[in-house]
Amino acid sequence: FEQLLGGEVYHYHSKVIMKEARTGGAHLW
């Protein structure tokens, strides 16, 4: 990602999205 964004990067955040079977919600545009 440093090469794609053209400079040093830092960690802004991490997450796990758990879209469970039969109940997982949508993310809007």
PDB file of all heavy atoms in Angstrom:
ATOM      1  N   PHE A   1       0.822  -1.212   0.000  1.00  0.00           N
ATOM      2  CA  PHE A   1       0.000   0.000   0.000  1.00  0.00           C
ATOM      3  C   PHE A   1       0.855   1.261   0.000  1.00  0.00           C
ATOM      4  O   PHE A   1       0.454   2.294  -0.560  1.00  0.00           O
ATOM      5  CB  PHE A   1      -0.986   0.017   1.161  1.00  0.00           C
ATOM      6  CG  PHE A   1      -2.398   0.260   0.711  1.00  0.00           C
ATOM      7  CD1 PHE A   1      -3.460  -0.404   1.281  1.00  0.00           C
ATOM      8  CD2 PHE A   1      -2.678   1.143  -0.328  1.00  0.00           C
ATOM      9  CE1 PHE A   1      -4.756  -0.201   0.839  1.00  0.00           C
ATOM     10  CE2 PHE A   1      -3.970   1.357  -0.778  1.00  0.00           C
ATOM     11  CZ  PHE A   1      -5.006   0.682  -0.200  1.00  0.00           C
ATOM     12  N   GLU A   2       2.022   1.209   0.606  1.00  0.00           N
ATOM     13  CA  GLU A   2       2.901   2.372   0.536  1.00  0.00           C
ATOM     14  C   GLU A   2       3.231   2.709  -0.915  1.00  0.00           C
ATOM     15  O   GLU A   2       3.239   3.879  -1.316  1.00  0.00           O
ATOM     16  CB  GLU A   2       4.189   2.109   1.317  1.00  0.00           C
ATOM     17  CG  GLU A   2       3.998   2.220   2.807  1.00  0.00           C
ATOM     18  CD  GLU A   2       5.293   2.244   3.584  1.00  0.00           C
ATOM     19  OE1 GLU A   2       6.276   1.647   3.111  1.00  0.00           O
ATOM     20  OE2 GLU A   2       5.300   2.849   4.675  1.00  0.00           O
ATOM     21  N   GLN A   3       3.484   1.681  -1.705  1.00  0.00           N
ATOM     22  CA  GLN A   3       3.816   1.922  -3.105  1.00  0.00           C
ATOM     23  C   GLN A   3       2.593   2.382  -3.896  1.00  0.00           C
ATOM     24  O   GLN A   3       2.705   3.237  -4.780  1.00  0.00           O
ATOM     25  CB  GLN A   3       4.403   0.656  -3.705  1.00  0.00           C
ATOM     26  CG  GLN A   3       5.751   0.286  -3.092  1.00  0.00           C
ATOM     27  CD  GLN A   3       6.305  -0.998  -3.664  1.00  0.00           C
ATOM     28  OE1 GLN A   3       6.768  -1.027  -4.796  1.00  0.00           O
ATOM     29  NE2 GLN A   3       6.245  -2.067  -2.882  1.00  0.00           N
ATOM     30  N   LEU A   4       1.421   1.847  -3.576  1.00  0.00           N
ATOM     31  CA  LEU A   4       0.209   2.263  -4.292  1.00  0.00           C
ATOM     32  C   LEU A   4      -0.189   3.693  -3.941  1.00  0.00           C
ATOM     33  O   LEU A   4      -0.677   4.435  -4.804  1.00  0.00           O
ATOM     34  CB  LEU A   4      -0.944   1.305  -3.959  1.00  0.00           C
ATOM     35  CG  LEU A   4      -0.805  -0.125  -4.497  1.00  0.00           C
ATOM     36  CD1 LEU A   4      -1.944  -0.997  -3.972  1.00  0.00           C
ATOM     37  CD2 LEU A   4      -0.774  -0.156  -6.022  1.00  0.00           C
ATOM     38  N   LEU A   5       0.008   4.089  -2.684  1.00  0.00           N
ATOM     39  CA  LEU A   5      -0.380   5.431  -2.248  1.00  0.00           C
ATOM     40  C   LEU A   5       0.746   6.447  -2.396  1.00  0.00           C
ATOM     41  O   LEU A   5       0.532   7.646  -2.196  1.00  0.00           O
ATOM     42  CB  LEU A   5      -0.860   5.395  -0.790  1.00  0.00           C
ATOM     43  CG  LEU A   5      -2.211   4.714  -0.543  1.00  0.00           C
ATOM     44  CD1 LEU A   5      -2.512   4.654   0.954  1.00  0.00           C
ATOM     45  CD2 LEU A   5      -3.349   5.410  -1.283  1.00  0.00           C
ATOM     46  N   GLY A   6       1.944   5.973  -2.712  1.00  0.00           N
ATOM     47  CA  GLY A   6       3.025   6.894  -3.035  1.00  0.00           C
ATOM     48  C   GLY A   6       3.744   7.515  -1.871  1.00  0.00           C
ATOM     49  O   GLY A   6       4.259   8.637  -1.972  1.00  0.00           O
ATOM     50  N   GLY A   7       3.800   6.800  -0.733  1.00  0.00           N
ATOM     51  CA  GLY A   7       4.528   7.338   0.408  1.00  0.00           C
ATOM     52  C   GLY A   7       4.341   6.490   1.642  1.00  0.00           C
ATOM     53  O   GLY A   7       3.537   5.539   1.660  1.00  0.00           O
ATOM     54  N   GLU A   8       5.068   6.846   2.697  1.00  0.00           N
ATOM     55  CA  GLU A   8       4.969   6.128   3.969  1.00  0.00           C
ATOM     56  C   GLU A   8       3.529   6.123   4.469  1.00  0.00           C
ATOM     57  O   GLU A   8       2.826   7.131   4.391  1.00  0.00           O
ATOM     58  CB  GLU A   8       5.869   6.800   5.019  1.00  0.00           C
ATOM     59  CG  GLU A   8       5.818   6.154   6.389  1.00  0.00           C
ATOM     60  CD  GLU A   8       6.467   6.995   7.483  1.00  0.00           C
ATOM     61  OE1 GLU A   8       7.065   8.047   7.153  1.00  0.00           O
ATOM     62  OE2 GLU A   8       6.338   6.619   8.668  1.00  0.00           O
ATOM     63  N   VAL A   9       3.076   4.973   4.996  1.00  0.00           N
ATOM     64  CA  VAL A   9       1.735   4.879   5.574  1.00  0.00           C
ATOM     65  C   VAL A   9       1.830   4.497   7.048  1.00  0.00           C
ATOM     66  O   VAL A   9       2.848   3.982   7.509  1.00  0.00           O
ATOM     67  CB  VAL A   9       0.848   3.848   4.829  1.00  0.00           C
ATOM     68  CG1 VAL A   9       0.689   4.223   3.365  1.00  0.00           C
ATOM     69  CG2 VAL A   9       1.386   2.426   4.979  1.00  0.00           C
ATOM     70  N   TYR A  10       0.758   4.779   7.770  1.00  0.00           N
ATOM     71  CA  TYR A  10       0.641   4.261   9.134  1.00  0.00           C
ATOM     72  C   TYR A  10      -0.708   3.563   9.285  1.00  0.00           C
ATOM     73  O   TYR A  10      -1.622   3.738   8.472  1.00  0.00           O
ATOM     74  CB  TYR A  10       0.838   5.365  10.173  1.00  0.00           C
ATOM     75  CG  TYR A  10      -0.297   6.346  10.349  1.00  0.00           C
ATOM     76  CD1 TYR A  10      -1.271   6.168  11.339  1.00  0.00           C
ATOM     77  CD2 TYR A  10      -0.399   7.492   9.545  1.00  0.00           C
ATOM     78  CE1 TYR A  10      -2.302   7.085  11.519  1.00  0.00           C
ATOM     79  CE2 TYR A  10      -1.411   8.411   9.725  1.00  0.00           C
ATOM     80  CZ  TYR A  10      -2.367   8.203  10.711  1.00  0.00           C
ATOM     81  OH  TYR A  10      -3.388   9.105  10.886  1.00  0.00           O
ATOM     82  N   HIS A  11      -0.798   2.762  10.325  1.00  0.00           N
ATOM     83  CA  HIS A  11      -1.996   1.967  10.604  1.00  0.00           C
ATOM     84  C   HIS A  11      -3.094   2.884  11.143  1.00  0.00           C
ATOM     85  O   HIS A  11      -2.955   3.477  12.221  1.00  0.00           O
ATOM     86  CB  HIS A  11      -1.641   0.883  11.629  1.00  0.00           C
ATOM     87  CG  HIS A  11      -2.788   0.025  12.066  1.00  0.00           C
ATOM     88  ND1 HIS A  11      -3.514   0.281  13.206  1.00  0.00           N
ATOM     89  CD2 HIS A  11      -3.331  -1.091  11.511  1.00  0.00           C
ATOM     90  CE1 HIS A  11      -4.454  -0.651  13.355  1.00  0.00           C
ATOM     91  NE2 HIS A  11      -4.359  -1.494  12.337  1.00  0.00           N
ATOM     92  N   TYR A  12      -4.178   3.024  10.380  1.00  0.00           N
ATOM     93  CA  TYR A  12      -5.292   3.883  10.798  1.00  0.00           C
ATOM     94  C   TYR A  12      -6.284   3.095  11.643  1.00  0.00           C
ATOM     95  O   TYR A  12      -6.788   3.600  12.622  1.00  0.00           O
ATOM     96  CB  TYR A  12      -5.947   4.480   9.557  1.00  0.00           C
ATOM     97  CG  TYR A  12      -6.862   5.657   9.819  1.00  0.00           C
ATOM     98  CD1 TYR A  12      -6.451   6.722  10.607  1.00  0.00           C
ATOM     99  CD2 TYR A  12      -8.131   5.704   9.253  1.00  0.00           C
ATOM    100  CE1 TYR A  12      -7.296   7.804  10.838  1.00  0.00           C
ATOM    101  CE2 TYR A  12      -8.972   6.786   9.474  1.00  0.00           C
ATOM    102  CZ  TYR A  12      -8.552   7.826  10.271  1.00  0.00           C
ATOM    103  OH  TYR A  12      -9.382   8.900  10.496  1.00  0.00           O
ATOM    104  N   HIS A  13      -6.559   1.891  11.268  1.00  0.00           N
ATOM    105  CA  HIS A  13      -7.283   0.938  12.100  1.00  0.00           C
ATOM    106  C   HIS A  13      -7.395  -0.404  11.375  1.00  0.00           C
ATOM    107  O   HIS A  13      -7.153  -0.486  10.172  1.00  0.00           O
ATOM    108  CB  HIS A  13      -8.683   1.435  12.493  1.00  0.00           C
ATOM    109  CG  HIS A  13      -9.596   1.749  11.355  1.00  0.00           C
ATOM    110  ND1 HIS A  13      -9.765   3.029  10.866  1.00  0.00           N
ATOM    111  CD2 HIS A  13     -10.394   0.968  10.587  1.00  0.00           C
ATOM    112  CE1 HIS A  13     -10.627   3.022   9.873  1.00  0.00           C
ATOM    113  NE2 HIS A  13     -11.019   1.777   9.674  1.00  0.00           N
ATOM    114  N   SER A  14      -7.758  -1.430  12.126  1.00  0.00           N
ATOM    115  CA  SER A  14      -8.076  -2.749  11.569  1.00  0.00           C
ATOM    116  C   SER A  14      -9.455  -3.150  12.047  1.00  0.00           C
ATOM    117  O   SER A  14      -9.937  -2.659  13.080  1.00  0.00           O
ATOM    118  CB  SER A  14      -7.067  -3.813  12.036  1.00  0.00           C
ATOM    119  OG  SER A  14      -5.789  -3.605  11.504  1.00  0.00           O
ATOM    120  N   LYS A  15     -10.088  -4.032  11.302  1.00  0.00           N
ATOM    121  CA  LYS A  15     -11.385  -4.529  11.759  1.00  0.00           C
ATOM    122  C   LYS A  15     -11.694  -5.876  11.123  1.00  0.00           C
ATOM    123  O   LYS A  15     -11.118  -6.248  10.095  1.00  0.00           O
ATOM    124  CB  LYS A  15     -12.502  -3.532  11.460  1.00  0.00           C
ATOM    125  CG  LYS A  15     -12.734  -3.218   9.999  1.00  0.00           C
ATOM    126  CD  LYS A  15     -13.797  -2.123   9.869  1.00  0.00           C
ATOM    127  CE  LYS A  15     -13.954  -1.652   8.433  1.00  0.00           C
ATOM    128  NZ  LYS A  15     -14.925  -0.547   8.308  1.00  0.00           N
ATOM    129  N   VAL A  16     -12.597  -6.576  11.761  1.00  0.00           N
ATOM    130  CA  VAL A  16     -13.154  -7.803  11.204  1.00  0.00           C
ATOM    131  C   VAL A  16     -14.645  -7.569  11.012  1.00  0.00           C
ATOM    132  O   VAL A  16     -15.348  -7.188  11.956  1.00  0.00           O
ATOM    133  CB  VAL A  16     -12.904  -9.017  12.116  1.00  0.00           C
ATOM    134  CG1 VAL A  16     -13.572 -10.266  11.546  1.00  0.00           C
ATOM    135  CG2 VAL A  16     -11.415  -9.258  12.286  1.00  0.00           C
ATOM    136  N   ILE A  17     -15.102  -7.738   9.783  1.00  0.00           N
ATOM    137  CA  ILE A  17     -16.532  -7.635   9.481  1.00  0.00           C
ATOM    138  C   ILE A  17     -17.084  -9.051   9.428  1.00  0.00           C
ATOM    139  O   ILE A  17     -16.640  -9.877   8.629  1.00  0.00           O
ATOM    140  CB  ILE A  17     -16.763  -6.894   8.158  1.00  0.00           C
ATOM    141  CG1 ILE A  17     -16.292  -5.437   8.275  1.00  0.00           C
ATOM    142  CG2 ILE A  17     -18.243  -6.942   7.764  1.00  0.00           C
ATOM    143  CD1 ILE A  17     -16.437  -4.627   7.008  1.00  0.00           C
ATOM    144  N   MET A  18     -18.057  -9.321  10.293  1.00  0.00           N
ATOM    145  CA  MET A  18     -18.605 -10.671  10.461  1.00  0.00           C
ATOM    146  C   MET A  18     -20.033 -10.703   9.918  1.00  0.00           C
ATOM    147  O   MET A  18     -20.996 -10.488  10.657  1.00  0.00           O
ATOM    148  CB  MET A  18     -18.553 -11.068  11.935  1.00  0.00           C
ATOM    149  CG  MET A  18     -17.135 -11.215  12.468  1.00  0.00           C
ATOM    150  SD  MET A  18     -17.007 -11.200  14.288  1.00  0.00           S
ATOM    151  CE  MET A  18     -16.879  -9.425  14.584  1.00  0.00           C
ATOM    152  N   LYS A  19     -20.148 -10.924   8.643  1.00  0.00           N
ATOM    153  CA  LYS A  19     -21.460 -10.976   8.005  1.00  0.00           C
ATOM    154  C   LYS A  19     -21.946 -12.418   8.112  1.00  0.00           C
ATOM    155  O   LYS A  19     -21.640 -13.275   7.281  1.00  0.00           O
ATOM    156  CB  LYS A  19     -21.367 -10.519   6.544  1.00  0.00           C
ATOM    157  CG  LYS A  19     -22.714 -10.266   5.897  1.00  0.00           C
ATOM    158  CD  LYS A  19     -22.577  -9.596   4.544  1.00  0.00           C
ATOM    159  CE  LYS A  19     -22.251  -8.128   4.679  1.00  0.00           C
ATOM    160  NZ  LYS A  19     -22.692  -7.334   3.513  1.00  0.00           N
ATOM    161  N   GLU A  20     -22.715 -12.680   9.171  1.00  0.00           N
ATOM    162  CA  GLU A  20     -23.091 -14.062   9.492  1.00  0.00           C
ATOM    163  C   GLU A  20     -24.163 -14.597   8.539  1.00  0.00           C
ATOM    164  O   GLU A  20     -24.919 -13.832   7.922  1.00  0.00           O
ATOM    165  CB  GLU A  20     -23.597 -14.153  10.935  1.00  0.00           C
ATOM    166  CG  GLU A  20     -22.615 -13.649  11.986  1.00  0.00           C
ATOM    167  CD  GLU A  20     -21.375 -14.522  12.143  1.00  0.00           C
ATOM    168  OE1 GLU A  20     -21.231 -15.505  11.403  1.00  0.00           O
ATOM    169  OE2 GLU A  20     -20.533 -14.195  13.007  1.00  0.00           O
ATOM    170  N   ALA A  21     -24.206 -15.915   8.435  1.00  0.00           N
ATOM    171  CA  ALA A  21     -25.191 -16.574   7.569  1.00  0.00           C
ATOM    172  C   ALA A  21     -26.609 -16.213   8.001  1.00  0.00           C
ATOM    173  O   ALA A  21     -26.927 -16.177   9.187  1.00  0.00           O
ATOM    174  CB  ALA A  21     -25.006 -18.087   7.625  1.00  0.00           C
ATOM    175  N   ARG A  22     -27.434 -15.873   7.030  1.00  0.00           N
ATOM    176  CA  ARG A  22     -28.879 -15.632   7.176  1.00  0.00           C
ATOM    177  C   ARG A  22     -29.244 -14.370   7.957  1.00  0.00           C
ATOM    178  O   ARG A  22     -30.392 -13.948   7.948  1.00  0.00           O
ATOM    179  CB  ARG A  22     -29.590 -16.838   7.810  1.00  0.00           C
ATOM    180  CG  ARG A  22     -29.508 -18.102   6.975  1.00  0.00           C
ATOM    181  CD  ARG A  22     -30.214 -19.269   7.636  1.00  0.00           C
ATOM    182  NE  ARG A  22     -29.544 -19.668   8.869  1.00  0.00           N
ATOM    183  CZ  ARG A  22     -28.477 -20.463   8.926  1.00  0.00           C
ATOM    184  NH1 ARG A  22     -27.952 -20.934   7.810  1.00  0.00           N
ATOM    185  NH2 ARG A  22     -27.935 -20.784  10.076  1.00  0.00           N
ATOM    186  N   THR A  23     -28.263 -13.747   8.627  1.00  0.00           N
ATOM    187  CA  THR A  23     -28.575 -12.574   9.455  1.00  0.00           C
ATOM    188  C   THR A  23     -27.709 -11.359   9.149  1.00  0.00           C
ATOM    189  O   THR A  23     -28.010 -10.268   9.635  1.00  0.00           O
ATOM    190  CB  THR A  23     -28.419 -12.903  10.948  1.00  0.00           C
ATOM    191  OG1 THR A  23     -27.050 -13.277  11.205  1.00  0.00           O
ATOM    192  CG2 THR A  23     -29.345 -14.050  11.357  1.00  0.00           C
ATOM    193  N   GLY A  24     -26.651 -11.524   8.372  1.00  0.00           N
ATOM    194  CA  GLY A  24     -25.705 -10.438   8.126  1.00  0.00           C
ATOM    195  C   GLY A  24     -26.347  -9.261   7.420  1.00  0.00           C
ATOM    196  O   GLY A  24     -27.087  -9.419   6.443  1.00  0.00           O
ATOM    197  N   GLY A  25     -26.070  -8.061   7.910  1.00  0.00           N
ATOM    198  CA  GLY A  25     -26.672  -6.856   7.351  1.00  0.00           C
ATOM    199  C   GLY A  25     -25.926  -6.316   6.146  1.00  0.00           C
ATOM    200  O   GLY A  25     -24.854  -6.799   5.769  1.00  0.00           O
ATOM    201  N   ALA A  26     -26.508  -5.296   5.542  1.00  0.00           N
ATOM    202  CA  ALA A  26     -25.936  -4.650   4.361  1.00  0.00           C
ATOM    203  C   ALA A  26     -25.087  -3.450   4.779  1.00  0.00           C
ATOM    204  O   ALA A  26     -25.271  -2.881   5.855  1.00  0.00           O
ATOM    205  CB  ALA A  26     -27.049  -4.181   3.431  1.00  0.00           C
ATOM    206  N   HIS A  27     -24.166  -3.079   3.910  1.00  0.00           N
ATOM    207  CA  HIS A  27     -23.484  -1.793   4.022  1.00  0.00           C
ATOM    208  C   HIS A  27     -23.925  -0.941   2.841  1.00  0.00           C
ATOM    209  O   HIS A  27     -23.913  -1.388   1.691  1.00  0.00           O
ATOM    210  CB  HIS A  27     -21.963  -1.969   4.021  1.00  0.00           C
ATOM    211  CG  HIS A  27     -21.423  -2.469   5.325  1.00  0.00           C
ATOM    212  ND1 HIS A  27     -20.964  -3.742   5.521  1.00  0.00           N
ATOM    213  CD2 HIS A  27     -21.294  -1.837   6.521  1.00  0.00           C
ATOM    214  CE1 HIS A  27     -20.560  -3.890   6.773  1.00  0.00           C
ATOM    215  NE2 HIS A  27     -20.759  -2.748   7.398  1.00  0.00           N
ATOM    216  N   LEU A  28     -24.337   0.275   3.124  1.00  0.00           N
ATOM    217  CA  LEU A  28     -24.894   1.158   2.104  1.00  0.00           C
ATOM    218  C   LEU A  28     -23.797   1.715   1.202  1.00  0.00           C
ATOM    219  O   LEU A  28     -22.608   1.681   1.533  1.00  0.00           O
ATOM    220  CB  LEU A  28     -25.643   2.303   2.782  1.00  0.00           C
ATOM    221  CG  LEU A  28     -26.681   1.904   3.840  1.00  0.00           C
ATOM    222  CD1 LEU A  28     -27.327   3.152   4.439  1.00  0.00           C
ATOM    223  CD2 LEU A  28     -27.741   0.982   3.253  1.00  0.00           C
ATOM    224  N   TRP A  29     -24.205   2.246   0.057  1.00  0.00           N
ATOM    225  CA  TRP A  29     -23.239   2.894  -0.829  1.00  0.00           C
ATOM    226  C   TRP A  29     -22.516   4.000  -0.072  1.00  0.00           C
ATOM    227  O   TRP A  29     -23.140   4.888   0.523  1.00  0.00           O
ATOM    228  CB  TRP A  29     -23.935   3.500  -2.043  1.00  0.00           C
ATOM    229  CG  TRP A  29     -24.241   2.538  -3.141  1.00  0.00           C
ATOM    230  CD1 TRP A  29     -25.464   2.141  -3.586  1.00  0.00           C
ATOM    231  CD2 TRP A  29     -23.280   1.869  -3.982  1.00  0.00           C
ATOM    232  NE1 TRP A  29     -25.342   1.256  -4.636  1.00  0.00           N
ATOM    233  CE2 TRP A  29     -24.007   1.074  -4.901  1.00  0.00           C
ATOM    234  CE3 TRP A  29     -21.881   1.869  -4.047  1.00  0.00           C
ATOM    235  CZ2 TRP A  29     -23.391   0.276  -5.866  1.00  0.00           C
ATOM    236  CZ3 TRP A  29     -21.264   1.068  -4.995  1.00  0.00           C
ATOM    237  CH2 TRP A  29     -22.006   0.290  -5.897  1.00  0.00           C
TER     238      TRP A  29
END
